[in-house]
Amino acid sequence: MCRVLAYVGPELPLGSLLLEPGNSLINQTLDPERHPLLQLAGWGFGAWSEHLLEPDTPLIYRRPTAAFYDDNVQRIIPSLRANTLLAHVRAADYDAAAVVTDENCHPFSYQGTPWIIAQNGDVPSWRVLQRELLPHCADRYLEQMRGTTDTEFVYVLLLSLLDGDSDDDVQRAFETLLGLIVGAMEKLDLVALTKLKIALVAPHRIIGVNVGSGHHGETAPEGDWRELLTSGPGTDDYALGMLLEPMYMLTGRDFENYETSYDVDVCDVDEATSVIFASEPLTENTEDWWELEFGHIVFLERTDSGITRRVARLDV
């Protein structure tokens, strides 16, 4: 799977979020702690900032090269700040079938919606599944699709299912989305393990989703993800462990006082001013990170009074 990082909070230099920490997202291209593959198939970010000429529109940057090879990293990132960020480094199969282009790098951003998306996941046979799923997709989003990834198609389908931008609207859309995907797999006899580990981001908001289905299409597979991962890459148990692994959040204050790490003054969410949502814990003290367990969705938002967090189990 790929690696994802999202942030909401006070305006920070983008370098503090992407470059300077020892285990920064850029460095995870080469050394992800909880993934066996290098992230060599491109990278990108979307950022909102009060310092941009269009502060309500995300600045999107995507490039189909490993982040540590991108000569723009040291030229662009130190000049930018952000109050909301979604960044992603992409893993792809090590073979010629992988399509490495700008259009396939995350995050994806369309006109007509405040949301951008990135994910660590996989929808097997998604091209064939379109036979059943396309009738649920709105033309205004299909017309904007440029790439060849399952994530972008999931984005199209999700946007098409949204009745609004409230937390409840988004939760219902994700529940419907997974139901449609599993139903299409069953109808076409293409049932396979499906991972949807998604960060959906809009200004001052992060919605994190950790959901999917097991090898037999079950939406509540069972197992201890730590024990399953000991079976090693390439096994069914390992794949199930990757599916069941949590995603992670860190809430706190005074992030700007820790220039070369992801440390914050850790505090309860009702006292926090910033939050990071990520694929893996990014500080040495992993106990500071709150886990988003499989089957759940989290709603994170920065308001005038601080950070709010609500977690719900998805009804799928």
C-alpha atoms as a PDB file:
ATOM      1  CA  MET A   1       0.000   0.000   0.000  1.00  0.00           C
ATOM      2  CA  CYS A   2       0.919   3.642  -0.368  1.00  0.00           C
ATOM      3  CA  ARG A   3       1.481   6.117   2.459  1.00  0.00           C
ATOM      4  CA  VAL A   4      -0.767   9.056   3.283  1.00  0.00           C
ATOM      5  CA  LEU A   5      -0.541  12.044   5.613  1.00  0.00           C
ATOM      6  CA  ALA A   6      -3.201  14.667   6.348  1.00  0.00           C
ATOM      7  CA  TYR A   7      -2.989  17.722   8.605  1.00  0.00           C
ATOM      8  CA  VAL A   8      -5.317  20.431   9.860  1.00  0.00           C
ATOM      9  CA  GLY A   9      -4.295  23.145  12.286  1.00  0.00           C
ATOM     10  CA  PRO A  10      -2.533  26.487  12.405  1.00  0.00           C
ATOM     11  CA  GLU A  11      -0.594  27.598   9.345  1.00  0.00           C
ATOM     12  CA  LEU A  12       2.742  25.758   9.240  1.00  0.00           C
ATOM     13  CA  PRO A  13       5.643  25.740   6.790  1.00  0.00           C
ATOM     14  CA  LEU A  14       5.077  22.840   4.438  1.00  0.00           C
ATOM     15  CA  GLY A  15       8.641  21.751   5.083  1.00  0.00           C
ATOM     16  CA  SER A  16       7.713  21.003   8.704  1.00  0.00           C
ATOM     17  CA  LEU A  17       5.091  18.557   7.458  1.00  0.00           C
ATOM     18  CA  LEU A  18       6.822  16.961   4.462  1.00  0.00           C
ATOM     19  CA  LEU A  19      10.595  17.435   4.616  1.00  0.00           C
ATOM     20  CA  GLU A  20      12.201  18.136   7.966  1.00  0.00           C
ATOM     21  CA  PRO A  21      11.128  15.259  10.255  1.00  0.00           C
ATOM     22  CA  GLY A  22      13.460  12.290  10.124  1.00  0.00           C
ATOM     23  CA  ASN A  23      10.549  10.018   9.233  1.00  0.00           C
ATOM     24  CA  SER A  24       8.849  12.564   6.968  1.00  0.00           C
ATOM     25  CA  LEU A  25       6.496  11.464   4.234  1.00  0.00           C
ATOM     26  CA  ILE A  26       9.275  12.119   1.712  1.00  0.00           C
ATOM     27  CA  ASN A  27      11.589   9.763   3.620  1.00  0.00           C
ATOM     28  CA  GLN A  28       8.845   7.140   3.808  1.00  0.00           C
ATOM     29  CA  THR A  29       9.331   6.785   0.060  1.00  0.00           C
ATOM     30  CA  LEU A  30      12.477   4.856   0.916  1.00  0.00           C
ATOM     31  CA  ASP A  31      11.805   3.627   4.437  1.00  0.00           C
ATOM     32  CA  PRO A  32       8.159   3.073   5.369  1.00  0.00           C
ATOM     33  CA  GLU A  33       8.045   1.435   8.783  1.00  0.00           C
ATOM     34  CA  ARG A  34       4.926  -0.648   8.123  1.00  0.00           C
ATOM     35  CA  HIS A  35       5.043  -1.536   4.462  1.00  0.00           C
ATOM     36  CA  PRO A  36       7.368  -3.946   2.629  1.00  0.00           C
ATOM     37  CA  LEU A  37       7.668  -1.982  -0.642  1.00  0.00           C
ATOM     38  CA  LEU A  38       9.391   1.234  -1.627  1.00  0.00           C
ATOM     39  CA  GLN A  39       7.072   4.043  -2.723  1.00  0.00           C
ATOM     40  CA  LEU A  40       8.502   4.696  -6.190  1.00  0.00           C
ATOM     41  CA  ALA A  41       5.433   5.376  -8.363  1.00  0.00           C
ATOM     42  CA  GLY A  42       5.013   9.094  -7.724  1.00  0.00           C
ATOM     43  CA  TRP A  43       3.856  11.487  -5.070  1.00  0.00           C
ATOM     44  CA  GLY A  44       1.825  14.613  -4.549  1.00  0.00           C
ATOM     45  CA  PHE A  45       0.053  16.932  -2.179  1.00  0.00           C
ATOM     46  CA  GLY A  46      -2.910  19.251  -1.928  1.00  0.00           C
ATOM     47  CA  ALA A  47      -2.745  22.242   0.412  1.00  0.00           C
ATOM     48  CA  TRP A  48      -4.912  25.130   1.512  1.00  0.00           C
ATOM     49  CA  SER A  49      -3.359  28.302   2.917  1.00  0.00           C
ATOM     50  CA  GLU A  50      -4.404  31.784   3.914  1.00  0.00           C
ATOM     51  CA  HIS A  51      -1.301  32.954   2.050  1.00  0.00           C
ATOM     52  CA  LEU A  52      -2.500  31.701  -1.343  1.00  0.00           C
ATOM     53  CA  LEU A  53      -4.302  34.053  -3.708  1.00  0.00           C
ATOM     54  CA  GLU A  54      -7.216  31.588  -3.709  1.00  0.00           C
ATOM     55  CA  PRO A  55      -7.269  30.356  -0.082  1.00  0.00           C
ATOM     56  CA  ASP A  56     -10.441  28.300  -0.592  1.00  0.00           C
ATOM     57  CA  THR A  57      -8.964  26.365  -3.525  1.00  0.00           C
ATOM     58  CA  PRO A  58      -6.383  23.618  -2.974  1.00  0.00           C
ATOM     59  CA  LEU A  59      -2.936  23.991  -4.452  1.00  0.00           C
ATOM     60  CA  ILE A  60      -2.360  20.604  -6.117  1.00  0.00           C
ATOM     61  CA  TYR A  61       1.088  19.277  -6.931  1.00  0.00           C
ATOM     62  CA  ARG A  62       1.642  15.804  -8.383  1.00  0.00           C
ATOM     63  CA  ARG A  63       4.648  14.206 -10.019  1.00  0.00           C
ATOM     64  CA  PRO A  64       5.210  10.651 -11.330  1.00  0.00           C
ATOM     65  CA  THR A  65       8.633  10.168  -9.802  1.00  0.00           C
ATOM     66  CA  ALA A  66       9.842   9.032  -6.420  1.00  0.00           C
ATOM     67  CA  ALA A  67       9.655  12.003  -4.080  1.00  0.00           C
ATOM     68  CA  PHE A  68      13.359  11.895  -3.228  1.00  0.00           C
ATOM     69  CA  TYR A  69      14.204  12.215  -6.959  1.00  0.00           C
ATOM     70  CA  ASP A  70      11.934  15.224  -7.476  1.00  0.00           C
ATOM     71  CA  ASP A  71      14.171  18.263  -7.995  1.00  0.00           C
ATOM     72  CA  ASN A  72      11.230  20.557  -7.237  1.00  0.00           C
ATOM     73  CA  VAL A  73      10.943  19.380  -3.627  1.00  0.00           C
ATOM     74  CA  GLN A  74      13.656  21.667  -2.284  1.00  0.00           C
ATOM     75  CA  ARG A  75      12.576  24.520  -4.559  1.00  0.00           C
ATOM     76  CA  ILE A  76       8.827  24.598  -3.938  1.00  0.00           C
ATOM     77  CA  ILE A  77       8.048  23.182  -0.496  1.00  0.00           C
ATOM     78  CA  PRO A  78      10.184  25.602   1.582  1.00  0.00           C
ATOM     79  CA  SER A  79       8.221  28.511   0.073  1.00  0.00           C
ATOM     80  CA  LEU A  80       4.785  27.243   1.084  1.00  0.00           C
ATOM     81  CA  ARG A  81       2.625  27.169   4.201  1.00  0.00           C
ATOM     82  CA  ALA A  82      -0.588  25.257   4.879  1.00  0.00           C
ATOM     83  CA  ASN A  83      -3.429  25.030   7.371  1.00  0.00           C
ATOM     84  CA  THR A  84      -4.854  21.950   5.651  1.00  0.00           C
ATOM     85  CA  LEU A  85      -2.773  19.326   3.863  1.00  0.00           C
ATOM     86  CA  LEU A  86      -3.223  15.978   2.169  1.00  0.00           C
ATOM     87  CA  ALA A  87      -0.019  14.339   0.929  1.00  0.00           C
ATOM     88  CA  HIS A  88       0.660  10.907  -0.556  1.00  0.00           C
ATOM     89  CA  VAL A  89       3.494   8.723  -1.804  1.00  0.00           C
ATOM     90  CA  ARG A  90       2.466   5.995  -4.210  1.00  0.00           C
ATOM     91  CA  ALA A  91       3.429   2.337  -4.322  1.00  0.00           C
ATOM     92  CA  ALA A  92       2.747   0.257  -7.408  1.00  0.00           C
ATOM     93  CA  ASP A  93       3.518  -3.252  -8.565  1.00  0.00           C
ATOM     94  CA  TYR A  94       7.099  -3.669  -9.712  1.00  0.00           C
ATOM     95  CA  ASP A  95       6.262  -4.546 -13.304  1.00  0.00           C
ATOM     96  CA  ALA A  96       5.609  -2.933 -16.667  1.00  0.00           C
ATOM     97  CA  ALA A  97       1.848  -2.987 -16.132  1.00  0.00           C
ATOM     98  CA  ALA A  98       2.095  -0.152 -13.603  1.00  0.00           C
ATOM     99  CA  VAL A  99       1.140   3.149 -15.233  1.00  0.00           C
ATOM    100  CA  VAL A 100       3.291   5.889 -13.721  1.00  0.00           C
ATOM    101  CA  THR A 101       1.986   9.275 -14.862  1.00  0.00           C
ATOM    102  CA  ASP A 102       0.931  12.607 -13.341  1.00  0.00           C
ATOM    103  CA  GLU A 103      -2.697  11.582 -13.800  1.00  0.00           C
ATOM    104  CA  ASN A 104      -2.262   8.536 -11.554  1.00  0.00           C
ATOM    105  CA  CYS A 105      -0.624  10.365  -8.644  1.00  0.00           C
ATOM    106  CA  HIS A 106      -2.671  11.290  -5.601  1.00  0.00           C
ATOM    107  CA  PRO A 107      -4.388  13.379  -4.356  1.00  0.00           C
ATOM    108  CA  PHE A 108      -7.240  13.663  -6.823  1.00  0.00           C
ATOM    109  CA  SER A 109      -9.102  16.946  -7.031  1.00  0.00           C
ATOM    110  CA  TYR A 110     -12.157  17.735  -9.184  1.00  0.00           C
ATOM    111  CA  GLN A 111     -14.123  20.843  -9.955  1.00  0.00           C
ATOM    112  CA  GLY A 112     -17.508  21.134  -8.278  1.00  0.00           C
ATOM    113  CA  THR A 113     -16.536  19.618  -4.915  1.00  0.00           C
ATOM    114  CA  PRO A 114     -14.591  20.810  -1.859  1.00  0.00           C
ATOM    115  CA  TRP A 115     -13.112  17.325  -1.346  1.00  0.00           C
ATOM    116  CA  ILE A 116      -9.763  15.913  -2.436  1.00  0.00           C
ATOM    117  CA  ILE A 117      -8.830  12.272  -1.870  1.00  0.00           C
ATOM    118  CA  ALA A 118      -5.887   9.929  -1.404  1.00  0.00           C
ATOM    119  CA  GLN A 119      -5.781   6.349  -0.206  1.00  0.00           C
ATOM    120  CA  ASN A 120      -3.728   3.324   0.717  1.00  0.00           C
ATOM    121  CA  GLY A 121      -5.732   0.556  -0.822  1.00  0.00           C
ATOM    122  CA  ASP A 122      -6.776  -1.634  -3.673  1.00  0.00           C
ATOM    123  CA  VAL A 123      -9.983  -2.522  -5.504  1.00  0.00           C
ATOM    124  CA  PRO A 124      -9.153  -5.631  -7.572  1.00  0.00           C
ATOM    125  CA  SER A 125     -10.708  -5.944 -11.036  1.00  0.00           C
ATOM    126  CA  TRP A 126     -12.121  -2.428 -10.770  1.00  0.00           C
ATOM    127  CA  ARG A 127     -12.120  -1.967 -14.539  1.00  0.00           C
ATOM    128  CA  VAL A 128     -14.455  -4.938 -14.999  1.00  0.00           C
ATOM    129  CA  LEU A 129     -16.523  -3.926 -11.969  1.00  0.00           C
ATOM    130  CA  GLN A 130     -17.343  -0.689 -13.791  1.00  0.00           C
ATOM    131  CA  ARG A 131     -19.873  -2.745 -15.750  1.00  0.00           C
ATOM    132  CA  GLU A 132     -22.045  -2.663 -12.638  1.00  0.00           C
ATOM    133  CA  LEU A 133     -20.830   0.573 -11.029  1.00  0.00           C
ATOM    134  CA  LEU A 134     -20.920   3.089 -13.884  1.00  0.00           C
ATOM    135  CA  PRO A 135     -24.716   3.582 -13.682  1.00  0.00           C
ATOM    136  CA  HIS A 136     -24.133   5.055 -10.212  1.00  0.00           C
ATOM    137  CA  CYS A 137     -21.553   7.580 -11.451  1.00  0.00           C
ATOM    138  CA  ALA A 138     -22.472  11.155 -12.342  1.00  0.00           C
ATOM    139  CA  ASP A 139     -21.394  12.423 -15.754  1.00  0.00           C
ATOM    140  CA  ARG A 140     -19.963  15.654 -14.289  1.00  0.00           C
ATOM    141  CA  TYR A 141     -17.369  13.613 -12.410  1.00  0.00           C
ATOM    142  CA  LEU A 142     -16.753  10.909 -15.010  1.00  0.00           C
ATOM    143  CA  GLU A 143     -15.898  13.643 -17.515  1.00  0.00           C
ATOM    144  CA  GLN A 144     -13.068  14.810 -15.238  1.00  0.00           C
ATOM    145  CA  MET A 145     -11.462  11.372 -14.867  1.00  0.00           C
ATOM    146  CA  ARG A 146      -8.036  11.314 -16.505  1.00  0.00           C
ATOM    147  CA  GLY A 147      -6.086   8.462 -14.926  1.00  0.00           C
ATOM    148  CA  THR A 148      -6.198   4.681 -14.768  1.00  0.00           C
ATOM    149  CA  THR A 149      -6.304   4.016 -11.025  1.00  0.00           C
ATOM    150  CA  ASP A 150      -8.898   2.410  -8.807  1.00  0.00           C
ATOM    151  CA  THR A 151      -8.596   5.336  -6.377  1.00  0.00           C
ATOM    152  CA  GLU A 152      -9.722   7.886  -8.926  1.00  0.00           C
ATOM    153  CA  PHE A 153     -12.681   5.728  -9.888  1.00  0.00           C
ATOM    154  CA  VAL A 154     -13.596   5.334  -6.195  1.00  0.00           C
ATOM    155  CA  TYR A 155     -13.423   9.146  -5.979  1.00  0.00           C
ATOM    156  CA  VAL A 156     -15.843   9.469  -8.909  1.00  0.00           C
ATOM    157  CA  LEU A 157     -18.233   6.952  -7.380  1.00  0.00           C
ATOM    158  CA  LEU A 158     -18.059   8.519  -3.915  1.00  0.00           C
ATOM    159  CA  LEU A 159     -18.699  12.056  -5.185  1.00  0.00           C
ATOM    160  CA  SER A 160     -21.623  10.751  -7.218  1.00  0.00           C
ATOM    161  CA  LEU A 161     -23.165   9.178  -4.107  1.00  0.00           C
ATOM    162  CA  LEU A 162     -22.845  12.284  -1.932  1.00  0.00           C
ATOM    163  CA  ASP A 163     -26.112  14.095  -1.195  1.00  0.00           C
ATOM    164  CA  GLY A 164     -24.241  16.876   0.632  1.00  0.00           C
ATOM    165  CA  ASP A 165     -21.043  17.608   2.518  1.00  0.00           C
ATOM    166  CA  SER A 166     -22.150  16.967   6.104  1.00  0.00           C
ATOM    167  CA  ASP A 167     -20.541  14.193   8.145  1.00  0.00           C
ATOM    168  CA  ASP A 168     -23.725  12.145   7.910  1.00  0.00           C
ATOM    169  CA  ASP A 169     -23.848  12.592   4.132  1.00  0.00           C
ATOM    170  CA  VAL A 170     -20.265  11.391   3.783  1.00  0.00           C
ATOM    171  CA  GLN A 171     -20.806   8.407   6.076  1.00  0.00           C
ATOM    172  CA  ARG A 172     -23.876   7.276   4.113  1.00  0.00           C
ATOM    173  CA  ALA A 173     -21.982   7.647   0.837  1.00  0.00           C
ATOM    174  CA  PHE A 174     -19.120   5.455   2.044  1.00  0.00           C
ATOM    175  CA  GLU A 175     -21.518   2.811   3.324  1.00  0.00           C
ATOM    176  CA  THR A 176     -23.320   2.754  -0.016  1.00  0.00           C
ATOM    177  CA  LEU A 177     -20.029   2.736  -1.927  1.00  0.00           C
ATOM    178  CA  LEU A 178     -18.665  -0.370  -0.218  1.00  0.00           C
ATOM    179  CA  GLY A 179     -22.009  -2.125  -0.569  1.00  0.00           C
ATOM    180  CA  LEU A 180     -22.039  -1.417  -4.298  1.00  0.00           C
ATOM    181  CA  ILE A 181     -18.457  -2.639  -4.769  1.00  0.00           C
ATOM    182  CA  VAL A 182     -18.992  -5.884  -2.857  1.00  0.00           C
ATOM    183  CA  GLY A 183     -22.307  -6.437  -4.625  1.00  0.00           C
ATOM    184  CA  ALA A 184     -20.659  -5.958  -8.026  1.00  0.00           C
ATOM    185  CA  MET A 185     -17.880  -8.397  -7.100  1.00  0.00           C
ATOM    186  CA  GLU A 186     -20.404 -11.024  -6.081  1.00  0.00           C
ATOM    187  CA  LYS A 187     -22.524 -10.566  -9.191  1.00  0.00           C
ATOM    188  CA  LEU A 188     -19.527 -10.823 -11.526  1.00  0.00           C
ATOM    189  CA  ASP A 189     -17.864 -13.615  -9.528  1.00  0.00           C
ATOM    190  CA  LEU A 190     -14.828 -11.410  -8.810  1.00  0.00           C
ATOM    191  CA  VAL A 191     -14.834 -11.480  -5.019  1.00  0.00           C
ATOM    192  CA  ALA A 192     -11.429 -10.548  -3.607  1.00  0.00           C
ATOM    193  CA  LEU A 193      -9.875  -8.732  -0.684  1.00  0.00           C
ATOM    194  CA  THR A 194     -10.566  -4.991  -1.034  1.00  0.00           C
ATOM    195  CA  LYS A 195      -8.868  -2.204   0.928  1.00  0.00           C
ATOM    196  CA  LEU A 196     -10.306   1.293   1.261  1.00  0.00           C
ATOM    197  CA  LYS A 197      -8.005   3.202   3.618  1.00  0.00           C
ATOM    198  CA  ILE A 198      -8.934   6.712   2.614  1.00  0.00           C
ATOM    199  CA  ALA A 199      -8.272  10.306   3.598  1.00  0.00           C
ATOM    200  CA  LEU A 200     -10.942  12.668   2.288  1.00  0.00           C
ATOM    201  CA  VAL A 201      -9.947  16.284   2.924  1.00  0.00           C
ATOM    202  CA  ALA A 202     -11.543  19.724   2.567  1.00  0.00           C
ATOM    203  CA  PRO A 203     -10.543  23.042   4.162  1.00  0.00           C
ATOM    204  CA  HIS A 204     -10.053  22.469   7.909  1.00  0.00           C
ATOM    205  CA  ARG A 205     -11.614  18.972   7.657  1.00  0.00           C
ATOM    206  CA  ILE A 206     -10.271  15.424   7.448  1.00  0.00           C
ATOM    207  CA  ILE A 207     -12.470  12.379   7.086  1.00  0.00           C
ATOM    208  CA  GLY A 208     -10.536   9.168   7.567  1.00  0.00           C
ATOM    209  CA  VAL A 209     -11.942   5.805   6.515  1.00  0.00           C
ATOM    210  CA  ASN A 210     -10.604   2.341   7.295  1.00  0.00           C
ATOM    211  CA  VAL A 211     -12.879  -0.182   5.646  1.00  0.00           C
ATOM    212  CA  GLY A 212     -12.966  -2.939   3.028  1.00  0.00           C
ATOM    213  CA  SER A 213     -13.786  -6.605   2.574  1.00  0.00           C
ATOM    214  CA  GLY A 214     -11.964  -9.881   3.147  1.00  0.00           C
ATOM    215  CA  HIS A 215     -10.916 -12.589   0.729  1.00  0.00           C
ATOM    216  CA  HIS A 216     -14.493 -13.897   0.538  1.00  0.00           C
ATOM    217  CA  GLY A 217     -16.233 -10.531   0.343  1.00  0.00           C
ATOM    218  CA  GLU A 218     -17.020 -10.331   4.060  1.00  0.00           C
ATOM    219  CA  THR A 219     -17.112  -6.738   5.317  1.00  0.00           C
ATOM    220  CA  ALA A 220     -16.279  -7.722   8.907  1.00  0.00           C
ATOM    221  CA  PRO A 221     -13.308 -10.087   8.540  1.00  0.00           C
ATOM    222  CA  GLU A 222     -11.739 -11.314  11.751  1.00  0.00           C
ATOM    223  CA  GLY A 223      -8.157 -11.692  12.892  1.00  0.00           C
ATOM    224  CA  ASP A 224      -5.312 -10.113  14.845  1.00  0.00           C
ATOM    225  CA  TRP A 225      -3.560  -7.900  12.315  1.00  0.00           C
ATOM    226  CA  ARG A 226      -0.226  -8.042  14.153  1.00  0.00           C
ATOM    227  CA  GLU A 227      -0.228 -11.834  14.185  1.00  0.00           C
ATOM    228  CA  LEU A 228      -1.385 -12.038  10.565  1.00  0.00           C
ATOM    229  CA  LEU A 229       1.486  -9.813   9.407  1.00  0.00           C
ATOM    230  CA  THR A 230       4.026 -12.284  10.788  1.00  0.00           C
ATOM    231  CA  SER A 231       3.152 -14.645   7.921  1.00  0.00           C
ATOM    232  CA  GLY A 232       5.157 -12.428   5.572  1.00  0.00           C
ATOM    233  CA  PRO A 233       4.442 -10.593   2.296  1.00  0.00           C
ATOM    234  CA  GLY A 234       2.739 -12.554  -0.456  1.00  0.00           C
ATOM    235  CA  THR A 235       0.495 -14.658   1.787  1.00  0.00           C
ATOM    236  CA  ASP A 236      -3.257 -14.358   2.174  1.00  0.00           C
ATOM    237  CA  ASP A 237      -2.851 -13.854   5.915  1.00  0.00           C
ATOM    238  CA  TYR A 238      -0.436 -10.989   5.361  1.00  0.00           C
ATOM    239  CA  ALA A 239      -2.856  -9.310   2.965  1.00  0.00           C
ATOM    240  CA  LEU A 240      -5.627  -9.677   5.547  1.00  0.00           C
ATOM    241  CA  GLY A 241      -3.351  -8.202   8.204  1.00  0.00           C
ATOM    242  CA  MET A 242      -2.691  -5.179   5.999  1.00  0.00           C
ATOM    243  CA  LEU A 243      -6.441  -4.787   5.571  1.00  0.00           C
ATOM    244  CA  LEU A 244      -7.170  -4.968   9.304  1.00  0.00           C
ATOM    245  CA  GLU A 245      -4.294  -2.710  10.375  1.00  0.00           C
ATOM    246  CA  PRO A 246      -5.484   0.575  11.885  1.00  0.00           C
ATOM    247  CA  MET A 247      -4.761   4.072  10.655  1.00  0.00           C
ATOM    248  CA  TYR A 248      -3.469   6.641  13.118  1.00  0.00           C
ATOM    249  CA  MET A 249      -4.135  10.111  14.538  1.00  0.00           C
ATOM    250  CA  LEU A 250      -2.112  12.479  16.706  1.00  0.00           C
ATOM    251  CA  THR A 251      -3.743  15.484  18.382  1.00  0.00           C
ATOM    252  CA  GLY A 252      -1.954  18.246  20.210  1.00  0.00           C
ATOM    253  CA  ARG A 253      -0.741  21.828  20.410  1.00  0.00           C
ATOM    254  CA  ASP A 254       2.324  23.892  19.520  1.00  0.00           C
ATOM    255  CA  PHE A 255       3.414  21.789  16.547  1.00  0.00           C
ATOM    256  CA  GLU A 256       5.458  24.798  15.386  1.00  0.00           C
ATOM    257  CA  ASN A 257       7.806  24.337  18.364  1.00  0.00           C
ATOM    258  CA  TYR A 258       9.071  20.992  17.014  1.00  0.00           C
ATOM    259  CA  GLU A 259      10.706  21.873  13.712  1.00  0.00           C
ATOM    260  CA  THR A 260      12.349  18.568  12.823  1.00  0.00           C
ATOM    261  CA  SER A 261       9.808  16.022  14.006  1.00  0.00           C
ATOM    262  CA  TYR A 262       6.113  15.275  14.103  1.00  0.00           C
ATOM    263  CA  ASP A 263       6.052  15.807  17.850  1.00  0.00           C
ATOM    264  CA  VAL A 264       3.442  18.064  19.424  1.00  0.00           C
ATOM    265  CA  ASP A 265       2.475  18.917  22.959  1.00  0.00           C
ATOM    266  CA  VAL A 266       0.120  15.956  23.169  1.00  0.00           C
ATOM    267  CA  CYS A 267      -3.251  16.669  24.740  1.00  0.00           C
ATOM    268  CA  ASP A 268      -6.858  15.550  24.658  1.00  0.00           C
ATOM    269  CA  VAL A 269      -8.739  16.419  21.531  1.00  0.00           C
ATOM    270  CA  ASP A 270     -10.864  19.054  23.295  1.00  0.00           C
ATOM    271  CA  GLU A 271      -7.661  21.000  24.084  1.00  0.00           C
ATOM    272  CA  ALA A 272      -5.890  20.372  20.762  1.00  0.00           C
ATOM    273  CA  THR A 273      -5.323  22.899  17.988  1.00  0.00           C
ATOM    274  CA  SER A 274      -3.943  20.502  15.355  1.00  0.00           C
ATOM    275  CA  VAL A 275      -4.279  16.909  14.216  1.00  0.00           C
ATOM    276  CA  ILE A 276      -2.341  14.578  11.938  1.00  0.00           C
ATOM    277  CA  PHE A 277      -3.959  11.560  10.257  1.00  0.00           C
ATOM    278  CA  ALA A 278      -1.476   9.054   8.824  1.00  0.00           C
ATOM    279  CA  SER A 279      -0.843   5.528   7.623  1.00  0.00           C
ATOM    280  CA  GLU A 280       1.515   4.813  10.498  1.00  0.00           C
ATOM    281  CA  PRO A 281       2.674   6.459  13.747  1.00  0.00           C
ATOM    282  CA  LEU A 282       5.293   9.083  12.931  1.00  0.00           C
ATOM    283  CA  THR A 283       6.840   9.729  16.345  1.00  0.00           C
ATOM    284  CA  GLU A 284       8.945   7.515  18.577  1.00  0.00           C
ATOM    285  CA  ASN A 285       6.258   7.422  21.250  1.00  0.00           C
ATOM    286  CA  THR A 286       3.649   5.445  19.337  1.00  0.00           C
ATOM    287  CA  GLU A 287       1.385   5.393  22.383  1.00  0.00           C
ATOM    288  CA  ASP A 288       0.546   9.043  21.697  1.00  0.00           C
ATOM    289  CA  TRP A 289      -1.234   8.006  18.506  1.00  0.00           C
ATOM    290  CA  TRP A 290      -4.913   7.148  18.560  1.00  0.00           C
ATOM    291  CA  GLU A 291      -5.933   4.213  16.318  1.00  0.00           C
ATOM    292  CA  LEU A 292      -8.731   4.234  13.765  1.00  0.00           C
ATOM    293  CA  GLU A 293      -9.727   0.585  13.802  1.00  0.00           C
ATOM    294  CA  PHE A 294     -10.924  -1.329  10.767  1.00  0.00           C
ATOM    295  CA  GLY A 295     -14.581  -0.769   9.962  1.00  0.00           C
ATOM    296  CA  HIS A 296     -14.644   2.794  11.302  1.00  0.00           C
ATOM    297  CA  ILE A 297     -14.763   6.352  10.019  1.00  0.00           C
ATOM    298  CA  VAL A 298     -13.429   9.434  11.814  1.00  0.00           C
ATOM    299  CA  PHE A 299     -14.513  13.040  11.343  1.00  0.00           C
ATOM    300  CA  LEU A 300     -11.850  15.600  12.248  1.00  0.00           C
ATOM    301  CA  GLU A 301     -12.403  19.337  11.986  1.00  0.00           C
ATOM    302  CA  ARG A 302     -10.667  22.492  13.115  1.00  0.00           C
ATOM    303  CA  THR A 303     -13.060  25.102  14.468  1.00  0.00           C
ATOM    304  CA  ASP A 304     -12.596  28.440  16.241  1.00  0.00           C
ATOM    305  CA  SER A 305     -12.513  26.549  19.539  1.00  0.00           C
ATOM    306  CA  GLY A 306     -10.043  23.854  18.468  1.00  0.00           C
ATOM    307  CA  ILE A 307     -10.206  20.318  17.062  1.00  0.00           C
ATOM    308  CA  THR A 308     -13.316  18.153  17.075  1.00  0.00           C
ATOM    309  CA  ARG A 309     -13.257  14.385  16.568  1.00  0.00           C
ATOM    310  CA  ARG A 310     -16.145  11.978  16.076  1.00  0.00           C
ATOM    311  CA  VAL A 311     -15.749   8.276  15.331  1.00  0.00           C
ATOM    312  CA  ALA A 312     -18.447   5.957  14.013  1.00  0.00           C
ATOM    313  CA  ARG A 313     -18.671   2.353  12.903  1.00  0.00           C
ATOM    314  CA  LEU A 314     -19.652   2.051   9.280  1.00  0.00           C
ATOM    315  CA  ASP A 315     -22.842   0.080   8.674  1.00  0.00           C
ATOM    316  CA  VAL A 316     -21.728  -2.155   5.815  1.00  0.00           C
END
